[in-house]
Amino acid sequence: MEVNETGFATEAHLESAFLTAPFKGKNAFWRYFTGIIVPFLAANFIGALPLAAVILMKTLDGSPLPQKGGMPDFEAMGIDLNVGFLLNIIPFLLGLLAIILLIRPLHARKFSTVVNGGRKIRWSRMLVSALVWTVISVLWMIYSLKSDPGNFRLNNTSDSLIILAVLALTLIPFQAAFEEILFRGYLMQGFAVWARNRWVPIIFTSVLFGLMHGLNPEVQQYGFMTMMPQYIFFGLVFAVLTMFDDGIEMAIGAHAANNIFLSIMVTHDDMALQTPAVYEQLDIHPWKEFGGLVAMSVIFLATMALMYRWKGIRKLYARISVPGITTDVSDAVDAG
């Protein structure tokens, strides 16, 4: 069954422009399935072609592919880490482009509805969120360096850091935007249409976000049950952020800031994105890192709540009320 209600009163947006927006479009299962599969194929097949070509050239003589933490070891292949970083980011750019182009033909609504319900993109929220997360990350990094100095080795102070910073600041926002648009935007709205409440989208998208990272080198090294809570919790933080702010701008900002900071400041053998970062972390203690993530996230959410005067915990669990839409999604039929 599919919902195609195009004429409900705009007052419905008073509850949540972000969550009610998808009810104005087309929402059959096959549409969401297509909207997930096509970006996935674009990212992992078309977007991965440059990386595949480089790997092929380096292994034409029959030599095995050098790996580091389950990922291609660019240094061992004689490839600059900044080039390797770029090759790993390209798939996300293709996936982002694909999902942007698909929203209108698939769901008969504007792409901006996936971001915040169709309003103008709130760039200031994205920037503030990124700045707050960066400040918290800097404080955590200082604490880590002082509490366990022997676990960090100065790794890079060369001019390549400037190139890395430019690449990270330019490209990682697109990588973060792709993941946030896909999970906290597109899929969260899809689950909202199906469940008609808030807690199901929060839980389901967070779990799926964690599972998407299931092939990361950290998971292979430290175990599924050790690393998955971190990824799911990270998704949960961004889902809560999205629900309270009625859009994904803050989630994009914080996500981008986290990845940019880590790419520039710290690397380790099992990191998905190998970069010539300032520091190399010698030993990873997953549960200590998880505790740090929880502490950082609580401070971050509390700060954003105070700054933007969020109220109403019901935004995390209440049902979604849309005038003109029946309670059961199976009652609304669309022939298209």
Protein backbone atom coordinates (compact mmCIF):
# COMPACT_ATOMS: atom_id res chain seq x y z
CA MET A 1 0.00 0.00 0.00
CA GLU A 2 1.10 3.54 -0.68
CA VAL A 3 0.27 6.94 0.72
CA ASN A 4 -0.31 9.80 -1.72
CA GLU A 5 -2.05 12.56 0.16
CA THR A 6 -1.19 15.87 -1.50
CA GLY A 7 -3.76 18.20 -0.03
CA PHE A 8 -3.64 18.06 3.75
CA ALA A 9 -3.66 21.34 5.60
CA THR A 10 -0.35 23.07 6.09
CA GLU A 11 -1.14 23.36 9.80
CA ALA A 12 0.09 19.78 10.05
CA HIS A 13 3.58 21.16 9.74
CA LEU A 14 3.13 22.85 13.11
CA GLU A 15 3.69 19.46 14.71
CA SER A 16 6.76 18.52 12.68
CA ALA A 17 7.45 19.76 9.18
CA PHE A 18 10.16 17.13 8.86
CA LEU A 19 8.04 14.13 9.89
CA THR A 20 4.81 15.12 8.14
CA ALA A 21 6.45 16.08 4.83
CA PRO A 22 6.72 12.51 3.46
CA PHE A 23 2.96 12.03 3.79
CA LYS A 24 2.52 14.50 0.92
CA GLY A 25 4.48 12.27 -1.45
CA LYS A 26 4.45 8.68 -2.63
CA ASN A 27 5.68 6.09 -0.17
CA ALA A 28 5.26 2.56 -1.50
CA PHE A 29 7.81 0.04 -0.29
CA TRP A 30 9.28 -0.43 -3.75
CA ARG A 31 10.05 3.30 -3.91
CA TYR A 32 12.07 3.24 -0.68
CA PHE A 33 13.75 0.00 -1.74
CA THR A 34 14.82 1.67 -4.99
CA GLY A 35 15.87 4.81 -3.13
CA ILE A 36 18.27 2.75 -1.03
CA ILE A 37 19.58 0.30 -3.61
CA VAL A 38 20.39 2.81 -6.36
CA PRO A 39 22.64 5.05 -4.17
CA PHE A 40 24.25 1.90 -2.78
CA LEU A 41 25.06 0.67 -6.27
CA ALA A 42 26.21 4.13 -7.38
CA ALA A 43 28.56 4.37 -4.40
CA ASN A 44 29.93 0.84 -4.30
CA PHE A 45 30.24 0.13 -8.00
CA ILE A 46 30.56 3.37 -9.96
CA GLY A 47 32.11 5.36 -7.12
CA ALA A 48 34.54 2.56 -6.31
CA LEU A 49 35.90 2.35 -9.88
CA PRO A 50 38.84 4.75 -9.29
CA LEU A 51 39.93 2.77 -6.22
CA ALA A 52 39.47 -0.52 -8.07
CA ALA A 53 41.57 0.78 -10.97
CA VAL A 54 44.41 1.78 -8.65
CA ILE A 55 44.33 -1.59 -6.88
CA LEU A 56 44.29 -3.42 -10.22
CA MET A 57 47.34 -1.53 -11.46
CA LYS A 58 49.22 -2.31 -8.26
CA THR A 59 48.44 -6.05 -8.41
CA LEU A 60 48.80 -6.73 -12.15
CA ASP A 61 52.09 -8.52 -11.52
CA GLY A 62 50.29 -11.05 -9.34
CA SER A 63 51.51 -9.65 -6.05
CA PRO A 64 49.04 -9.77 -3.15
CA LEU A 65 47.16 -6.64 -2.15
CA PRO A 66 48.82 -5.06 0.91
CA GLN A 67 46.29 -4.54 3.67
CA LYS A 68 46.19 -2.64 6.92
CA GLY A 69 43.36 -3.32 9.30
CA GLY A 70 41.47 -5.13 6.55
CA MET A 71 41.69 -2.11 4.22
CA PRO A 72 44.06 -1.45 1.31
CA ASP A 73 47.41 -0.30 2.66
CA PHE A 74 48.11 2.72 0.48
CA GLU A 75 51.50 3.40 2.02
CA ALA A 76 52.67 -0.14 1.25
CA MET A 77 51.47 0.32 -2.34
CA GLY A 78 53.44 3.54 -2.66
CA ILE A 79 50.30 5.70 -2.79
CA ASP A 80 50.12 8.97 -0.88
CA LEU A 81 47.67 8.69 2.02
CA ASN A 82 45.90 11.87 0.93
CA VAL A 83 45.28 10.27 -2.47
CA GLY A 84 43.99 7.16 -0.72
CA PHE A 85 41.73 9.34 1.41
CA LEU A 86 40.28 10.91 -1.74
CA LEU A 87 39.72 7.49 -3.34
CA ASN A 88 37.78 6.36 -0.25
CA ILE A 89 35.57 9.46 -0.25
CA ILE A 90 34.55 9.36 -3.93
CA PRO A 91 31.92 6.59 -3.41
CA PHE A 92 30.10 8.77 -0.88
CA LEU A 93 29.95 11.64 -3.39
CA LEU A 94 28.32 9.38 -5.97
CA GLY A 95 25.87 8.00 -3.42
CA LEU A 96 24.90 11.52 -2.33
CA LEU A 97 24.33 12.63 -5.90
CA ALA A 98 22.17 9.59 -6.58
CA ILE A 99 19.86 10.10 -3.61
CA ILE A 100 19.49 13.82 -4.35
CA LEU A 101 18.42 13.06 -7.92
CA LEU A 102 16.01 10.29 -6.91
CA ILE A 103 13.77 11.99 -4.34
CA ARG A 104 11.53 13.95 -6.73
CA PRO A 105 10.94 11.25 -9.39
CA LEU A 106 10.51 8.49 -6.79
CA HIS A 107 8.48 10.26 -4.12
CA ALA A 108 6.94 13.26 -5.89
CA ARG A 109 8.37 15.75 -3.41
CA LYS A 110 11.30 18.14 -3.19
CA PHE A 111 14.69 16.99 -1.97
CA SER A 112 14.59 19.64 0.76
CA THR A 113 11.73 17.75 2.41
CA VAL A 114 14.28 15.07 3.34
CA VAL A 115 16.45 17.67 5.04
CA ASN A 116 13.92 19.59 7.14
CA GLY A 117 10.45 19.16 5.70
CA GLY A 118 10.87 21.51 2.75
CA ARG A 119 12.07 24.70 4.43
CA LYS A 120 15.25 26.58 3.57
CA ILE A 121 18.35 24.74 4.71
CA ARG A 122 19.41 26.12 8.09
CA TRP A 123 23.14 26.51 7.50
CA SER A 124 23.69 28.30 10.80
CA ARG A 125 22.47 25.25 12.72
CA MET A 126 24.86 23.05 10.77
CA LEU A 127 27.77 25.37 11.59
CA VAL A 128 26.92 25.79 15.28
CA SER A 129 26.52 22.05 15.72
CA ALA A 130 29.89 21.45 14.04
CA LEU A 131 31.62 24.04 16.21
CA VAL A 132 30.17 22.68 19.46
CA TRP A 133 31.14 19.10 18.59
CA THR A 134 34.64 20.23 17.60
CA VAL A 135 35.18 22.04 20.90
CA ILE A 136 34.07 18.96 22.84
CA SER A 137 36.33 16.76 20.69
CA VAL A 138 39.32 19.02 21.35
CA LEU A 139 38.70 18.80 25.10
CA TRP A 140 38.43 15.00 24.92
CA MET A 141 41.64 14.83 22.87
CA ILE A 142 43.49 16.95 25.44
CA TYR A 143 42.21 14.71 28.22
CA SER A 144 43.30 11.58 26.33
CA LEU A 145 46.78 12.94 25.66
CA LYS A 146 47.29 13.94 29.29
CA SER A 147 45.80 10.81 30.86
CA ASP A 148 47.61 8.33 28.59
CA PRO A 149 50.49 10.11 26.83
CA GLY A 150 52.34 6.88 26.06
CA ASN A 151 49.46 5.73 23.86
CA PHE A 152 49.94 8.53 21.33
CA ARG A 153 52.84 9.04 18.95
CA LEU A 154 53.42 12.22 17.00
CA ASN A 155 52.80 11.00 13.48
CA ASN A 156 52.90 13.94 11.09
CA THR A 157 53.85 17.61 11.21
CA SER A 158 54.71 18.02 7.53
CA ASP A 159 53.05 20.12 4.84
CA SER A 160 50.90 17.12 3.93
CA LEU A 161 48.71 18.11 6.89
CA ILE A 162 47.65 21.23 5.00
CA ILE A 163 46.58 19.11 2.03
CA LEU A 164 44.77 16.72 4.38
CA ALA A 165 42.97 19.58 6.12
CA VAL A 166 41.81 21.02 2.79
CA LEU A 167 40.60 17.61 1.58
CA ALA A 168 38.88 16.84 4.88
CA LEU A 169 37.14 20.22 5.16
CA THR A 170 36.08 20.06 1.51
CA LEU A 171 35.00 16.45 1.11
CA ILE A 172 34.00 14.98 4.48
CA PRO A 173 30.90 17.20 4.78
CA PHE A 174 29.58 15.43 1.68
CA GLN A 175 30.36 12.03 3.17
CA ALA A 176 28.58 12.97 6.41
CA ALA A 177 25.69 14.51 4.46
CA PHE A 178 25.20 11.30 2.50
CA GLU A 179 24.94 9.17 5.63
CA GLU A 180 22.68 11.64 7.44
CA ILE A 181 20.40 12.16 4.43
CA LEU A 182 20.12 8.41 3.95
CA PHE A 183 19.53 7.43 7.59
CA ARG A 184 18.26 10.41 9.61
CA GLY A 185 16.50 11.93 6.60
CA TYR A 186 15.24 9.43 4.05
CA LEU A 187 14.88 6.27 6.13
CA MET A 188 13.67 8.07 9.25
CA GLN A 189 10.82 9.59 7.24
CA GLY A 190 10.06 6.22 5.67
CA PHE A 191 9.78 4.52 9.05
CA ALA A 192 7.69 7.45 10.29
CA VAL A 193 5.15 6.87 7.51
CA TRP A 194 5.04 3.18 8.31
CA ALA A 195 4.95 3.37 12.13
CA ARG A 196 3.22 6.75 12.68
CA ASN A 197 5.35 7.40 15.75
CA ARG A 198 8.79 8.69 16.60
CA TRP A 199 10.49 5.95 18.57
CA VAL A 200 10.38 3.35 15.78
CA PRO A 201 12.28 5.59 13.31
CA ILE A 202 14.81 6.46 16.03
CA ILE A 203 15.53 2.83 16.96
CA PHE A 204 15.40 1.31 13.47
CA THR A 205 17.60 3.89 11.77
CA SER A 206 20.15 3.74 14.59
CA VAL A 207 20.42 -0.05 14.34
CA LEU A 208 20.68 0.07 10.54
CA PHE A 209 23.32 2.79 10.82
CA GLY A 210 25.32 0.50 13.09
CA LEU A 211 24.94 -2.48 10.78
CA MET A 212 26.10 -0.40 7.81
CA HIS A 213 29.45 -0.06 9.57
CA GLY A 214 29.61 -3.79 10.26
CA LEU A 215 32.42 -4.33 7.75
CA ASN A 216 34.63 -1.57 9.15
CA PRO A 217 38.15 -2.66 10.15
CA GLU A 218 37.42 -1.87 13.82
CA VAL A 219 34.64 -4.45 13.81
CA GLN A 220 36.93 -7.08 12.29
CA GLN A 221 39.63 -6.33 14.86
CA TYR A 222 37.67 -5.92 18.10
CA GLY A 223 34.53 -7.90 17.44
CA PHE A 224 30.96 -7.24 16.35
CA MET A 225 29.46 -7.10 19.82
CA THR A 226 32.19 -4.76 21.05
CA MET A 227 32.00 -2.16 18.29
CA MET A 228 28.34 -2.29 17.28
CA PRO A 229 27.06 -0.51 20.43
CA GLN A 230 29.29 2.45 19.56
CA TYR A 231 27.97 2.78 16.02
CA ILE A 232 24.36 2.31 17.11
CA PHE A 233 24.76 4.84 19.91
CA PHE A 234 26.32 7.33 17.49
CA GLY A 235 23.28 6.90 15.23
CA LEU A 236 20.99 7.25 18.23
CA VAL A 237 22.55 10.60 19.16
CA PHE A 238 21.98 11.97 15.66
CA ALA A 239 18.44 10.57 15.57
CA VAL A 240 17.58 12.33 18.86
CA LEU A 241 19.18 15.51 17.50
CA THR A 242 17.04 15.26 14.36
CA MET A 243 13.81 14.74 16.27
CA PHE A 244 14.34 17.68 18.60
CA ASP A 245 15.48 20.07 15.85
CA ASP A 246 12.94 18.89 13.24
CA GLY A 247 15.59 18.39 10.58
CA ILE A 248 19.01 16.90 9.90
CA GLU A 249 21.17 20.03 9.63
CA MET A 250 22.59 19.68 13.14
CA ALA A 251 23.24 15.98 12.61
CA ILE A 252 25.15 16.71 9.40
CA GLY A 253 27.22 19.38 11.15
CA ALA A 254 28.17 17.25 14.14
CA HIS A 255 28.81 14.15 12.03
CA ALA A 256 31.06 16.10 9.65
CA ALA A 257 32.92 17.76 12.51
CA ASN A 258 33.56 14.40 14.18
CA ASN A 259 34.97 12.82 11.02
CA ILE A 260 37.02 15.88 10.05
CA PHE A 261 38.56 16.13 13.51
CA LEU A 262 39.49 12.45 13.64
CA SER A 263 40.88 12.46 10.09
CA ILE A 264 43.20 15.36 10.83
CA MET A 265 44.13 14.70 14.44
CA VAL A 266 44.38 10.96 15.07
CA THR A 267 44.84 7.74 13.15
CA HIS A 268 45.41 4.09 14.04
CA ASP A 269 45.95 0.84 12.17
CA ASP A 270 42.31 -0.24 12.26
CA MET A 271 40.76 3.06 11.19
CA ALA A 272 38.49 2.92 8.14
CA LEU A 273 39.96 6.13 6.72
CA GLN A 274 43.75 5.97 6.85
CA THR A 275 45.13 9.51 6.90
CA PRO A 276 48.48 11.21 7.63
CA ALA A 277 47.03 12.59 10.88
CA VAL A 278 48.90 14.52 13.56
CA TYR A 279 48.86 11.67 16.07
CA GLU A 280 48.85 7.90 15.84
CA GLN A 281 47.02 6.09 18.61
CA LEU A 282 48.96 2.94 19.42
CA ASP A 283 46.41 0.93 21.41
CA ILE A 284 42.64 1.12 21.17
CA HIS A 285 40.49 0.42 24.22
CA PRO A 286 36.98 0.15 22.68
CA TRP A 287 34.94 0.36 25.86
CA LYS A 288 36.92 3.33 27.15
CA GLU A 289 36.34 5.00 23.79
CA PHE A 290 32.64 4.17 24.09
CA GLY A 291 32.52 5.78 27.52
CA GLY A 292 34.14 8.88 26.10
CA LEU A 293 31.61 8.96 23.25
CA VAL A 294 28.72 8.74 25.72
CA ALA A 295 30.15 11.57 27.85
CA MET A 296 30.81 13.76 24.80
CA SER A 297 27.32 13.09 23.43
CA VAL A 298 25.56 13.94 26.68
CA ILE A 299 27.46 17.23 26.91
CA PHE A 300 26.77 17.96 23.27
CA LEU A 301 23.01 17.27 23.44
CA ALA A 302 22.68 19.23 26.68
CA THR A 303 24.50 22.19 25.12
CA MET A 304 22.31 22.17 22.02
CA ALA A 305 19.18 21.82 24.15
CA LEU A 306 20.13 24.87 26.20
CA MET A 307 21.14 26.94 23.17
CA TYR A 308 17.95 26.21 21.23
CA ARG A 309 15.60 25.84 24.22
CA TRP A 310 14.33 22.40 23.31
CA LYS A 311 11.29 21.29 25.24
CA GLY A 312 9.08 18.24 25.25
CA ILE A 313 10.52 14.76 25.63
CA ARG A 314 7.43 13.55 23.73
CA LYS A 315 9.30 14.42 20.53
CA LEU A 316 11.12 11.13 21.04
CA TYR A 317 8.13 8.81 21.34
CA ALA A 318 4.77 10.46 20.56
CA ARG A 319 2.61 9.45 17.62
CA ILE A 320 2.63 11.49 14.45
CA SER A 321 -0.65 13.26 13.79
CA VAL A 322 -1.31 14.34 10.21
CA PRO A 323 -4.76 15.80 9.37
CA GLY A 324 -6.45 13.98 6.52
CA ILE A 325 -4.32 10.82 6.87
CA THR A 326 -5.78 7.63 8.27
CA THR A 327 -4.16 6.06 11.32
CA ASP A 328 -3.32 2.80 9.55
CA VAL A 329 -0.99 3.22 6.60
CA SER A 330 -2.64 0.25 4.91
CA ASP A 331 -5.89 2.24 4.69
CA ALA A 332 -4.41 4.82 2.34
CA VAL A 333 -4.04 3.52 -1.21
CA ASP A 334 -2.19 5.11 -4.10
CA ALA A 335 -2.61 3.76 -7.56
CA GLY A 336 0.68 5.29 -8.76
